[in-house]
Amino acid sequence: MCTPAALERIAASGVLDSHLVGEPSVAHLVNIYFDTDDLRLARRRVSLRLRRSGNRRYLTLKCEGGGGPSLDRRSEWEVEITADSPDLAAFRDPAVHDVVGAVLPGELQPRYVSEIERRTLPVAWIDAQGRPGRVEVAFDRGRIAAGRSEEPVAEVEIELVGGSAQVLYEIAERLRAVAPLRLGAMPKAARGHMLLTGEPPRPRKAGRIVLERAATVADAMQTVFRRCIAHALANEVPARIGADIEGVHQLRVALRRLRSALSLFAPALPEAGRQRWVDEARWLLGCLGPCRDLDVLGEELLPSLAAAAPLLAPRLEALRALADAERRRAQGEVSAAIDSQRCGDLFLQLACWTEQGGWRSAATGTVLATQQAPLLDFAAGVLDRQHRRVRKRGRRFAELDAAGRHRLRLAVKKLRYALEFFADLFAGKRVDPYLDRLADLQEVLGEQNDIAVSRLVAERLATDATGPALPEVAFGAGMLVGWQSHRAVVLEARVGRLWEEFRAARPFWSPGEAAA
């Protein structure tokens, strides 16, 4: 996606002219999206579209699915129909009716519409490995409307017709050199739904990652990086809007999983390329961190304290008001960062690097050999190293200071991400108990970290407060620090027990535990 001005620059650049293998075509598309009065299809993450193109009518059903080469693969069915109203019976596949659920005749009504002028270029391309690919590059200009609300559409769609999928990303990079582009985080149906309801898309948690036991390390890297990017893109808009604090949180989780993946796969990655993405992820995480800290303070900790001490709750209002004001400022910085070209470039160029296997270009010696190595042995080695690192950082657990607990928490989190990446490679009965113990330990260490961070945030707000509100802000901050200190004492006994339970957990990644 891009701005209308950027789309005009790209379309007028002629950068694809020498690759054309036919005449460009122009079509005026009217897309009508249908749903029930209670929006049952949207709740099932399904869109039903009737497209009018000239005298022809097409009915298309899309169901959101897992990530793939497009980073946002969906199950899709399309049939040509003759009427101007949808008829689900036109789909012959019984799976369609399982996807849609119970919808009675007449319940489907128009909800929003897009009107698009599409100019399509048939293109032939040879990728960097000399493999041919045929694509259709479409320039979409128009609008999406729901009732009296509307917004412009300016998008470039690159669809593979045949041959090498890598050409999709090489063409995207070529077009990006002409004008700013970014991966679209929301399909037109989701944008129409947001116009219709005023509700932003819901934040998404990371999906399950499935790796094949016969895969190479390079295969696994591509799958894991794809899923991290898809997780991040799914939370770009929720984080930018900020209506649900989970949006910023899940975008941070996606970036941390990405950084962990870059670290875990470091033996198979040329250092310069790896460090580039580590640095870019660190930059965006730095933009998100202050907002997340204030989210936890204002939306979780202060309400919990008010519920625990209802008689004193009114005296927390000054601190809450100051935290809310700071949160709005921090949310503005989050929105600006996500809207920036740097963020757009991060995900677009990382996606291109992932799909093209960019780690191969500078790989030599042991790095190249590791990329080509069997995944199962590599995964077991990674898990073993991370397990031993956690054990090492947790030595003399009861004597660890705050900095030591913080380092332990980071090691635990990294081990958990590694387990989430690789767990399906192993079928032993000890996988789930090990994961459960690790997750419990991470949760309590995370609570302890939240306590430490909330103290710093509350103290900073009290220090920065001025005027008549200062005494009440200081009182509220003191209440919070005192309450959190009590909470820390309660957690200490629990975290000690959880640490001992984790120490007793037996690793499951020996060859005998591998899936048959």
Protein backbone atom coordinates (compact mmCIF):
# COMPACT_ATOMS: atom_id res chain seq x y z
CA MET A 1 0.00 0.00 0.00
CA CYS A 2 1.05 3.62 -0.49
CA THR A 3 -0.21 7.16 -0.78
CA PRO A 4 -2.12 8.22 -3.92
CA ALA A 5 0.82 10.46 -4.88
CA ALA A 6 3.30 7.59 -4.52
CA LEU A 7 1.04 5.36 -6.62
CA GLU A 8 1.01 7.94 -9.40
CA ARG A 9 4.81 8.16 -9.33
CA ILE A 10 5.20 4.40 -9.55
CA ALA A 11 2.61 3.99 -12.28
CA ALA A 12 4.20 6.77 -14.36
CA SER A 13 7.79 5.60 -13.83
CA GLY A 14 7.82 3.00 -16.62
CA VAL A 15 10.07 0.82 -14.49
CA LEU A 16 8.21 -2.31 -15.64
CA ASP A 17 7.80 -1.38 -19.31
CA SER A 18 10.73 -3.48 -20.55
CA HIS A 19 9.26 -6.53 -18.78
CA LEU A 20 5.76 -6.35 -20.27
CA VAL A 21 4.56 -9.46 -22.12
CA GLY A 22 1.24 -8.11 -23.24
CA GLU A 23 -0.94 -5.03 -23.30
CA PRO A 24 -2.00 -3.41 -20.01
CA SER A 25 -5.69 -3.70 -19.20
CA VAL A 26 -7.97 -1.33 -17.31
CA ALA A 27 -11.05 -2.41 -15.39
CA HIS A 28 -13.58 -0.62 -13.22
CA LEU A 29 -14.37 -2.87 -10.27
CA VAL A 30 -17.31 -2.47 -7.93
CA ASN A 31 -16.96 -4.74 -4.91
CA ILE A 32 -19.94 -5.14 -2.59
CA TYR A 33 -19.28 -6.85 0.74
CA PHE A 34 -22.14 -8.71 2.41
CA ASP A 35 -22.78 -9.76 5.98
CA THR A 36 -25.65 -10.46 8.35
CA ASP A 37 -27.20 -7.81 10.59
CA ASP A 38 -25.19 -9.11 13.54
CA LEU A 39 -22.00 -9.34 11.41
CA ARG A 40 -21.59 -13.08 11.93
CA LEU A 41 -19.20 -13.46 8.99
CA ALA A 42 -16.88 -10.77 10.32
CA ARG A 43 -16.85 -12.45 13.73
CA ARG A 44 -15.75 -15.66 12.00
CA ARG A 45 -13.02 -13.69 10.16
CA VAL A 46 -14.74 -14.32 6.84
CA SER A 47 -15.51 -11.86 4.04
CA LEU A 48 -18.05 -12.36 1.25
CA ARG A 49 -17.60 -10.14 -1.79
CA LEU A 50 -19.65 -9.72 -4.95
CA ARG A 51 -17.55 -8.12 -7.67
CA ARG A 52 -19.03 -6.44 -10.74
CA SER A 53 -16.57 -6.10 -13.63
CA GLY A 54 -18.31 -5.02 -16.83
CA ASN A 55 -21.16 -7.45 -17.45
CA ARG A 56 -19.68 -10.23 -15.32
CA ARG A 57 -20.34 -11.04 -11.66
CA TYR A 58 -18.04 -12.95 -9.33
CA LEU A 59 -18.76 -14.14 -5.80
CA THR A 60 -15.68 -14.53 -3.62
CA LEU A 61 -15.35 -15.91 -0.10
CA LYS A 62 -12.14 -15.35 1.85
CA CYS A 63 -11.27 -16.89 5.18
CA GLU A 64 -8.23 -15.72 7.06
CA GLY A 65 -5.59 -18.41 7.57
CA GLY A 66 -1.92 -18.82 8.40
CA GLY A 67 1.09 -17.05 6.97
CA GLY A 68 2.81 -18.13 3.81
CA PRO A 69 4.86 -16.63 1.02
CA SER A 70 2.38 -13.76 0.84
CA LEU A 71 2.68 -13.37 4.63
CA ASP A 72 -1.13 -13.36 4.84
CA ARG A 73 -2.40 -16.50 3.14
CA ARG A 74 -6.17 -17.02 3.13
CA SER A 75 -8.45 -19.78 2.04
CA GLU A 76 -10.37 -18.43 -0.93
CA TRP A 77 -13.24 -19.59 -3.13
CA GLU A 78 -14.60 -17.80 -6.19
CA VAL A 79 -17.44 -18.57 -8.60
CA GLU A 80 -19.00 -16.63 -11.44
CA ILE A 81 -22.70 -15.87 -10.93
CA THR A 82 -25.39 -14.06 -12.91
CA ALA A 83 -27.32 -12.26 -10.17
CA ASP A 84 -26.53 -9.06 -8.24
CA SER A 85 -27.13 -10.77 -4.90
CA PRO A 86 -25.05 -13.47 -3.21
CA ASP A 87 -26.09 -17.11 -3.26
CA LEU A 88 -23.93 -19.34 -1.06
CA ALA A 89 -25.27 -22.39 -2.88
CA ALA A 90 -23.18 -21.31 -5.88
CA PHE A 91 -20.12 -22.61 -4.04
CA ARG A 92 -19.89 -26.34 -4.63
CA ASP A 93 -17.25 -26.99 -1.96
CA PRO A 94 -18.90 -28.23 1.29
CA ALA A 95 -16.06 -26.61 3.25
CA VAL A 96 -17.53 -23.20 2.40
CA HIS A 97 -20.60 -23.88 4.50
CA ASP A 98 -18.45 -24.95 7.46
CA VAL A 99 -16.53 -21.68 7.14
CA VAL A 100 -19.61 -19.47 6.89
CA GLY A 101 -21.75 -21.22 9.48
CA ALA A 102 -25.53 -21.00 9.70
CA VAL A 103 -26.77 -18.23 7.40
CA LEU A 104 -30.40 -18.23 6.26
CA PRO A 105 -31.54 -17.03 2.81
CA GLY A 106 -32.09 -13.28 2.87
CA GLU A 107 -29.88 -12.62 5.90
CA LEU A 108 -26.97 -11.38 3.80
CA GLN A 109 -27.17 -7.65 3.07
CA PRO A 110 -24.69 -5.12 1.59
CA ARG A 111 -22.53 -3.57 4.32
CA TYR A 112 -19.78 -1.64 2.52
CA VAL A 113 -18.46 -1.18 -0.99
CA SER A 114 -15.20 -0.44 -2.77
CA GLU A 115 -14.97 1.19 -6.17
CA ILE A 116 -11.61 0.61 -7.80
CA GLU A 117 -10.03 1.50 -11.11
CA ARG A 118 -7.48 -1.25 -11.70
CA ARG A 119 -4.71 -1.02 -14.30
CA THR A 120 -3.03 -4.42 -14.69
CA LEU A 121 0.36 -5.06 -16.28
CA PRO A 122 1.36 -8.61 -17.40
CA VAL A 123 5.02 -8.93 -16.52
CA ALA A 124 7.75 -11.52 -17.10
CA TRP A 125 10.74 -11.43 -14.75
CA ILE A 126 13.93 -13.41 -14.19
CA ASP A 127 14.87 -13.65 -10.53
CA ALA A 128 18.35 -13.36 -9.05
CA GLN A 129 18.86 -17.13 -9.39
CA GLY A 130 17.95 -17.05 -13.08
CA ARG A 131 14.47 -18.54 -12.61
CA PRO A 132 11.59 -17.09 -14.66
CA GLY A 133 8.36 -15.86 -13.19
CA ARG A 134 5.15 -14.43 -14.59
CA VAL A 135 3.16 -11.92 -12.55
CA GLU A 136 0.34 -9.45 -12.85
CA VAL A 137 1.05 -6.05 -11.31
CA ALA A 138 -2.15 -4.13 -10.59
CA PHE A 139 -2.38 -0.45 -9.67
CA ASP A 140 -5.56 0.15 -7.69
CA ARG A 141 -7.03 3.63 -7.28
CA GLY A 142 -10.41 4.30 -5.72
CA ARG A 143 -12.30 4.39 -2.47
CA ILE A 144 -13.94 2.25 0.21
CA ALA A 145 -17.29 3.47 1.55
CA ALA A 146 -19.61 2.41 4.35
CA GLY A 147 -22.63 4.63 4.78
CA ARG A 148 -21.35 8.22 4.86
CA SER A 149 -17.81 7.22 5.75
CA GLU A 150 -15.17 6.60 3.13
CA GLU A 151 -11.42 6.54 2.62
CA PRO A 152 -9.15 6.44 -0.45
CA VAL A 153 -7.50 3.32 -1.82
CA ALA A 154 -4.01 3.43 -3.34
CA GLU A 155 -2.41 0.00 -3.62
CA VAL A 156 -0.07 -2.06 -5.73
CA GLU A 157 -0.97 -5.75 -5.92
CA ILE A 158 1.58 -8.20 -7.30
CA GLU A 159 0.07 -11.61 -8.06
CA LEU A 160 2.07 -14.64 -9.14
CA VAL A 161 0.77 -16.26 -12.31
CA GLY A 162 3.49 -18.91 -12.58
CA GLY A 163 7.14 -19.65 -11.98
CA SER A 164 9.40 -18.33 -9.25
CA ALA A 165 7.65 -16.68 -6.28
CA GLN A 166 10.83 -14.75 -5.57
CA VAL A 167 10.04 -12.37 -8.44
CA LEU A 168 7.19 -10.92 -6.34
CA TYR A 169 9.66 -9.51 -3.86
CA GLU A 170 12.24 -8.43 -6.42
CA ILE A 171 9.56 -6.43 -8.22
CA ALA A 172 8.38 -4.95 -4.90
CA GLU A 173 11.93 -3.80 -4.17
CA ARG A 174 12.25 -2.28 -7.64
CA LEU A 175 9.00 -0.35 -7.20
CA ARG A 176 10.00 0.70 -3.68
CA ALA A 177 13.04 2.41 -5.19
CA VAL A 178 10.68 4.72 -7.13
CA ALA A 179 8.38 5.77 -4.27
CA PRO A 180 7.57 4.68 -0.70
CA LEU A 181 5.67 1.41 -0.37
CA ARG A 182 4.77 -0.71 2.62
CA LEU A 183 3.17 -4.08 3.14
CA GLY A 184 -0.57 -3.74 3.58
CA ALA A 185 -1.54 -4.60 7.13
CA MET A 186 -5.30 -4.61 6.41
CA PRO A 187 -7.18 -6.08 3.44
CA LYS A 188 -9.95 -3.99 1.91
CA ALA A 189 -12.61 -6.05 3.70
CA ALA A 190 -11.10 -5.24 7.10
CA ARG A 191 -10.87 -1.56 6.20
CA GLY A 192 -14.52 -1.58 5.14
CA HIS A 193 -15.53 -3.28 8.38
CA MET A 194 -13.69 -0.63 10.39
CA LEU A 195 -15.50 2.14 8.46
CA LEU A 196 -18.82 0.39 9.04
CA THR A 197 -18.46 -0.25 12.77
CA GLY A 198 -15.82 2.24 13.90
CA GLU A 199 -14.06 -0.70 15.54
CA PRO A 200 -10.35 -1.15 14.83
CA PRO A 201 -9.08 -4.67 14.12
CA ARG A 202 -8.46 -6.75 17.20
CA PRO A 203 -4.91 -7.45 18.30
CA ARG A 204 -3.66 -10.91 17.39
CA LYS A 205 -1.47 -13.32 19.28
CA ALA A 206 1.26 -15.32 17.58
CA GLY A 207 -0.01 -18.38 15.78
CA ARG A 208 1.39 -21.86 16.04
CA ILE A 209 4.53 -22.56 14.03
CA VAL A 210 4.72 -25.96 12.32
CA LEU A 211 8.11 -27.14 11.10
CA GLU A 212 8.83 -30.33 9.21
CA ARG A 213 11.28 -32.76 10.77
CA ALA A 214 12.90 -33.26 7.36
CA ALA A 215 13.46 -29.50 6.91
CA THR A 216 16.83 -27.83 6.75
CA VAL A 217 17.82 -24.98 9.04
CA ALA A 218 17.28 -22.54 6.14
CA ASP A 219 13.74 -23.88 5.63
CA ALA A 220 12.99 -23.34 9.31
CA MET A 221 14.40 -19.82 9.30
CA GLN A 222 12.14 -18.85 6.44
CA THR A 223 9.05 -20.26 8.16
CA VAL A 224 9.84 -18.66 11.53
CA PHE A 225 10.68 -15.25 10.09
CA ARG A 226 7.50 -15.32 7.99
CA ARG A 227 5.38 -15.98 11.05
CA CYS A 228 7.11 -13.23 13.07
CA ILE A 229 6.47 -10.73 10.28
CA ALA A 230 2.83 -11.83 9.91
CA HIS A 231 2.34 -11.46 13.69
CA ALA A 232 3.79 -7.95 13.60
CA LEU A 233 1.74 -6.85 10.60
CA ALA A 234 -1.46 -8.13 12.18
CA ASN A 235 -0.85 -5.76 15.11
CA GLU A 236 0.39 -2.68 13.26
CA VAL A 237 -3.03 -1.04 12.98
CA PRO A 238 -4.25 -1.96 16.50
CA ALA A 239 -1.00 -0.61 17.94
CA ARG A 240 -1.16 2.57 15.85
CA ILE A 241 -4.76 3.29 16.86
CA GLY A 242 -4.17 2.37 20.50
CA ALA A 243 -7.80 1.66 21.44
CA ASP A 244 -6.77 -1.70 22.96
CA ILE A 245 -3.52 -1.80 24.92
CA GLU A 246 -2.99 -5.36 23.70
CA GLY A 247 -2.09 -3.96 20.26
CA VAL A 248 1.14 -2.35 21.43
CA HIS A 249 1.85 -5.38 23.61
CA GLN A 250 1.42 -7.90 20.79
CA LEU A 251 3.52 -5.82 18.40
CA ARG A 252 6.28 -5.82 21.01
CA VAL A 253 5.91 -9.58 21.42
CA ALA A 254 6.22 -10.04 17.65
CA LEU A 255 9.39 -7.95 17.55
CA ARG A 256 10.89 -9.78 20.51
CA ARG A 257 10.14 -13.11 18.93
CA LEU A 258 11.84 -11.85 15.78
CA ARG A 259 14.92 -10.74 17.72
CA SER A 260 15.04 -14.07 19.52
CA ALA A 261 14.78 -15.92 16.20
CA LEU A 262 17.64 -13.85 14.78
CA SER A 263 19.71 -14.76 17.82
CA LEU A 264 18.77 -18.44 17.91
CA PHE A 265 19.55 -18.85 14.21
CA ALA A 266 22.74 -16.77 14.44
CA PRO A 267 25.03 -19.71 13.51
CA ALA A 268 23.22 -19.87 10.14
CA LEU A 269 23.15 -16.12 9.45
CA PRO A 270 25.86 -13.80 8.10
CA GLU A 271 26.48 -11.33 10.90
CA ALA A 272 26.06 -8.11 8.93
CA GLY A 273 22.64 -9.07 7.59
CA ARG A 274 21.47 -10.40 10.95
CA GLN A 275 22.58 -7.28 12.83
CA ARG A 276 20.66 -5.03 10.46
CA TRP A 277 17.33 -6.57 11.46
CA VAL A 278 18.30 -6.76 15.14
CA ASP A 279 19.01 -3.02 15.12
CA GLU A 280 15.78 -2.15 13.30
CA ALA A 281 13.69 -4.27 15.66
CA ARG A 282 15.45 -2.64 18.63
CA TRP A 283 14.60 0.80 17.25
CA LEU A 284 10.89 0.03 16.97
CA LEU A 285 10.82 -1.67 20.36
CA GLY A 286 12.33 1.48 21.83
CA CYS A 287 9.46 3.50 20.36
CA LEU A 288 6.87 1.15 21.86
CA GLY A 289 8.36 0.64 25.33
CA PRO A 290 7.31 3.87 27.11
CA CYS A 291 3.72 3.47 25.91
CA ARG A 292 3.57 -0.13 27.12
CA ASP A 293 4.92 0.84 30.56
CA LEU A 294 2.20 3.49 30.91
CA ASP A 295 -0.44 1.03 29.63
CA VAL A 296 0.45 -1.40 32.41
CA LEU A 297 0.41 1.38 35.00
CA GLY A 298 -2.82 3.06 33.93
CA GLU A 299 -4.90 0.12 32.74
CA GLU A 300 -3.77 -2.69 35.02
CA LEU A 301 -1.93 -1.62 38.17
CA LEU A 302 -3.83 1.52 39.20
CA PRO A 303 -7.28 -0.09 38.73
CA SER A 304 -6.12 -3.10 40.76
CA LEU A 305 -4.85 -0.82 43.53
CA ALA A 306 -8.11 1.17 43.52
CA ALA A 307 -10.08 -2.08 43.87
CA ALA A 308 -7.85 -3.22 46.73
CA ALA A 309 -8.17 0.10 48.61
CA PRO A 310 -11.57 1.58 47.63
CA LEU A 311 -11.59 4.20 50.39
CA LEU A 312 -8.34 5.67 49.10
CA ALA A 313 -9.18 5.26 45.42
CA PRO A 314 -10.19 8.93 44.91
CA ARG A 315 -6.69 9.97 45.90
CA LEU A 316 -5.30 8.00 42.95
CA GLU A 317 -7.14 10.14 40.41
CA ALA A 318 -4.42 12.78 40.12
CA LEU A 319 -1.80 10.11 39.38
CA ARG A 320 -4.15 8.37 36.96
CA ALA A 321 -4.86 11.64 35.12
CA LEU A 322 -1.16 12.40 34.77
CA ALA A 323 -0.45 8.83 33.62
CA ASP A 324 -3.28 9.10 31.05
CA ALA A 325 -1.84 12.35 29.68
CA GLU A 326 1.61 10.79 29.42
CA ARG A 327 0.12 7.73 27.82
CA ARG A 328 -1.59 9.81 25.12
CA ARG A 329 1.72 11.50 24.35
CA ALA A 330 3.51 8.13 24.20
CA GLN A 331 0.73 6.70 22.01
CA GLY A 332 1.26 9.59 19.61
CA GLU A 333 4.92 8.63 19.35
CA VAL A 334 3.94 5.01 18.71
CA SER A 335 1.57 6.05 15.93
CA ALA A 336 4.22 8.27 14.34
CA ALA A 337 6.79 5.47 14.46
CA ILE A 338 4.43 2.93 12.87
CA ASP A 339 3.40 5.42 10.17
CA SER A 340 7.04 6.26 9.40
CA GLN A 341 8.75 5.07 6.26
CA ARG A 342 11.41 3.46 8.44
CA CYS A 343 8.82 1.11 9.90
CA GLY A 344 7.32 0.46 6.47
CA ASP A 345 10.77 -0.33 5.10
CA LEU A 346 11.54 -2.60 8.05
CA PHE A 347 8.73 -5.03 7.30
CA LEU A 348 8.76 -4.76 3.50
CA GLN A 349 12.51 -5.23 3.18
CA LEU A 350 12.62 -7.90 5.88
CA ALA A 351 9.88 -9.77 3.99
CA CYS A 352 11.87 -9.48 0.76
CA TRP A 353 15.02 -10.68 2.53
CA THR A 354 13.09 -13.60 4.03
CA GLU A 355 11.44 -14.73 0.80
CA GLN A 356 14.61 -14.37 -1.23
CA GLY A 357 16.65 -16.23 1.37
CA GLY A 358 18.87 -13.18 1.71
CA TRP A 359 21.05 -15.03 4.22
CA ARG A 360 22.49 -17.12 1.37
CA SER A 361 24.18 -14.23 -0.47
CA ALA A 362 27.01 -13.64 2.02
CA ALA A 363 27.14 -17.11 3.58
CA THR A 364 30.37 -19.07 3.43
CA GLY A 365 32.05 -21.90 5.30
CA THR A 366 30.35 -23.05 8.48
CA VAL A 367 27.50 -20.55 8.12
CA LEU A 368 26.53 -21.99 4.74
CA ALA A 369 26.93 -25.54 6.04
CA THR A 370 24.67 -24.76 9.00
CA GLN A 371 21.97 -23.39 6.67
CA GLN A 372 21.97 -26.69 4.79
CA ALA A 373 22.11 -28.87 7.91
CA PRO A 374 19.15 -30.98 9.16
CA LEU A 375 16.87 -28.99 11.41
CA LEU A 376 16.28 -31.57 14.13
CA ASP A 377 19.86 -31.73 15.39
CA PHE A 378 20.20 -27.96 15.16
CA ALA A 379 16.98 -27.41 17.15
CA ALA A 380 18.07 -29.83 19.87
CA GLY A 381 21.39 -27.99 20.15
CA VAL A 382 19.68 -24.61 20.40
CA LEU A 383 17.31 -25.83 23.11
CA ASP A 384 20.14 -27.41 25.04
CA ARG A 385 22.23 -24.21 24.98
CA GLN A 386 19.31 -22.05 26.04
CA HIS A 387 18.33 -24.45 28.82
CA ARG A 388 21.87 -24.41 30.19
CA ARG A 389 21.96 -20.62 29.96
CA VAL A 390 18.82 -20.34 32.06
CA ARG A 391 20.26 -22.75 34.62
CA LYS A 392 23.50 -20.75 34.74
CA ARG A 393 21.79 -17.39 35.19
CA GLY A 394 19.60 -18.81 37.92
CA ARG A 395 22.46 -20.07 40.12
CA ARG A 396 22.05 -18.98 43.74
CA PHE A 397 18.58 -17.86 42.78
CA ALA A 398 17.62 -16.52 46.22
CA GLU A 399 20.65 -14.20 46.19
CA LEU A 400 20.03 -12.66 42.75
CA ASP A 401 19.55 -8.90 42.76
CA ALA A 402 17.12 -7.05 40.47
CA ALA A 403 19.63 -6.94 37.60
CA GLY A 404 20.29 -10.66 37.96
CA ARG A 405 16.56 -11.46 37.95
CA HIS A 406 16.17 -9.31 34.85
CA ARG A 407 18.90 -11.24 33.00
CA LEU A 408 17.32 -14.51 34.10
CA ARG A 409 13.90 -13.38 32.87
CA LEU A 410 15.31 -12.54 29.43
CA ALA A 411 16.97 -15.95 29.22
CA VAL A 412 13.73 -17.67 30.23
CA LYS A 413 11.79 -15.71 27.61
CA LYS A 414 14.29 -16.61 24.90
CA LEU A 415 14.12 -20.29 25.83
CA ARG A 416 10.33 -20.15 25.70
CA TYR A 417 10.37 -18.60 22.23
CA ALA A 418 12.79 -21.31 21.08
CA LEU A 419 10.41 -23.93 22.45
CA GLU A 420 7.47 -22.36 20.65
CA PHE A 421 9.45 -22.43 17.41
CA PHE A 422 10.67 -26.03 17.73
CA ALA A 423 8.31 -27.91 20.07
CA ASP A 424 6.35 -29.62 17.28
CA LEU A 425 9.52 -31.40 16.19
CA PHE A 426 9.32 -33.47 19.37
CA ALA A 427 6.55 -35.81 20.46
CA GLY A 428 7.63 -36.89 23.91
CA LYS A 429 5.18 -36.67 26.80
CA ARG A 430 7.53 -34.32 28.65
CA VAL A 431 7.11 -31.44 26.18
CA ASP A 432 3.96 -29.92 27.67
CA PRO A 433 5.00 -30.22 31.35
CA TYR A 434 8.32 -28.57 30.54
CA LEU A 435 6.59 -25.75 28.65
CA ASP A 436 4.06 -25.28 31.44
CA ARG A 437 6.76 -24.95 34.08
CA LEU A 438 8.71 -22.52 31.95
CA ALA A 439 5.61 -20.42 31.21
CA ASP A 440 4.70 -20.21 34.91
CA LEU A 441 8.23 -19.13 35.79
CA GLN A 442 8.26 -16.51 33.02
CA GLU A 443 4.90 -15.12 34.14
CA VAL A 444 6.01 -14.51 37.72
CA LEU A 445 9.40 -13.12 36.69
CA GLY A 446 7.45 -10.82 34.35
CA GLU A 447 5.23 -9.68 37.22
CA GLN A 448 8.32 -8.89 39.28
CA ASN A 449 9.73 -6.89 36.37
CA ASP A 450 6.43 -5.01 36.02
CA ILE A 451 6.67 -4.09 39.70
CA ALA A 452 10.18 -2.72 39.25
CA VAL A 453 9.22 -0.77 36.12
CA SER A 454 5.99 0.60 37.63
CA ARG A 455 7.93 1.96 40.60
CA LEU A 456 10.26 3.84 38.27
CA VAL A 457 7.36 5.18 36.18
CA ALA A 458 5.36 6.29 39.25
CA GLU A 459 8.40 7.96 40.77
CA ARG A 460 9.13 9.78 37.50
CA LEU A 461 5.54 11.01 37.24
CA ALA A 462 5.68 12.26 40.83
CA THR A 463 8.99 14.00 40.17
CA ASP A 464 7.67 15.68 37.01
CA ALA A 465 4.35 16.78 38.59
CA THR A 466 3.89 20.49 39.30
CA GLY A 467 1.24 22.82 40.63
CA PRO A 468 -1.72 21.96 42.87
CA ALA A 469 -1.79 18.32 41.73
CA LEU A 470 1.71 17.61 43.04
CA PRO A 471 0.74 16.45 46.58
CA GLU A 472 -1.95 14.08 45.34
CA VAL A 473 0.28 12.69 42.58
CA ALA A 474 3.03 12.09 45.13
CA PHE A 475 0.55 10.42 47.51
CA GLY A 476 -0.75 8.16 44.73
CA ALA A 477 2.77 7.24 43.69
CA GLY A 478 3.60 6.40 47.30
CA MET A 479 0.50 4.22 47.56
CA LEU A 480 1.44 2.37 44.40
CA VAL A 481 5.06 1.81 45.44
CA GLY A 482 3.97 0.54 48.85
CA TRP A 483 1.36 -1.79 47.40
CA GLN A 484 3.79 -3.11 44.81
CA SER A 485 6.39 -3.70 47.52
CA HIS A 486 3.87 -5.89 49.33
CA ARG A 487 3.10 -7.68 46.08
CA ALA A 488 6.80 -8.31 45.56
CA VAL A 489 7.05 -10.05 48.93
CA VAL A 490 4.07 -12.28 48.06
CA LEU A 491 5.58 -13.17 44.70
CA GLU A 492 8.99 -13.98 46.13
CA ALA A 493 7.85 -17.18 47.82
CA ARG A 494 6.04 -18.28 44.67
CA VAL A 495 8.88 -17.55 42.27
CA GLY A 496 11.30 -19.52 44.43
CA ARG A 497 9.04 -22.56 44.26
CA LEU A 498 8.60 -22.20 40.50
CA TRP A 499 12.34 -21.97 40.03
CA GLU A 500 12.88 -25.22 41.88
CA GLU A 501 10.17 -26.89 39.80
CA PHE A 502 11.86 -25.73 36.62
CA ARG A 503 15.24 -26.97 37.81
CA ALA A 504 13.67 -30.40 38.27
CA ALA A 505 12.25 -30.43 34.73
CA ARG A 506 13.99 -32.86 32.40
CA PRO A 507 14.89 -31.67 28.89
CA PHE A 508 12.84 -33.47 26.24
CA TRP A 509 14.89 -32.84 23.11
CA SER A 510 17.10 -35.91 23.14
CA PRO A 511 16.89 -38.04 19.96
CA GLY A 512 14.63 -40.50 21.72
CA GLU A 513 12.04 -37.76 22.26
CA ALA A 514 11.88 -36.73 18.59
CA ALA A 515 8.65 -37.25 16.75
CA ALA A 516 8.44 -40.56 14.99
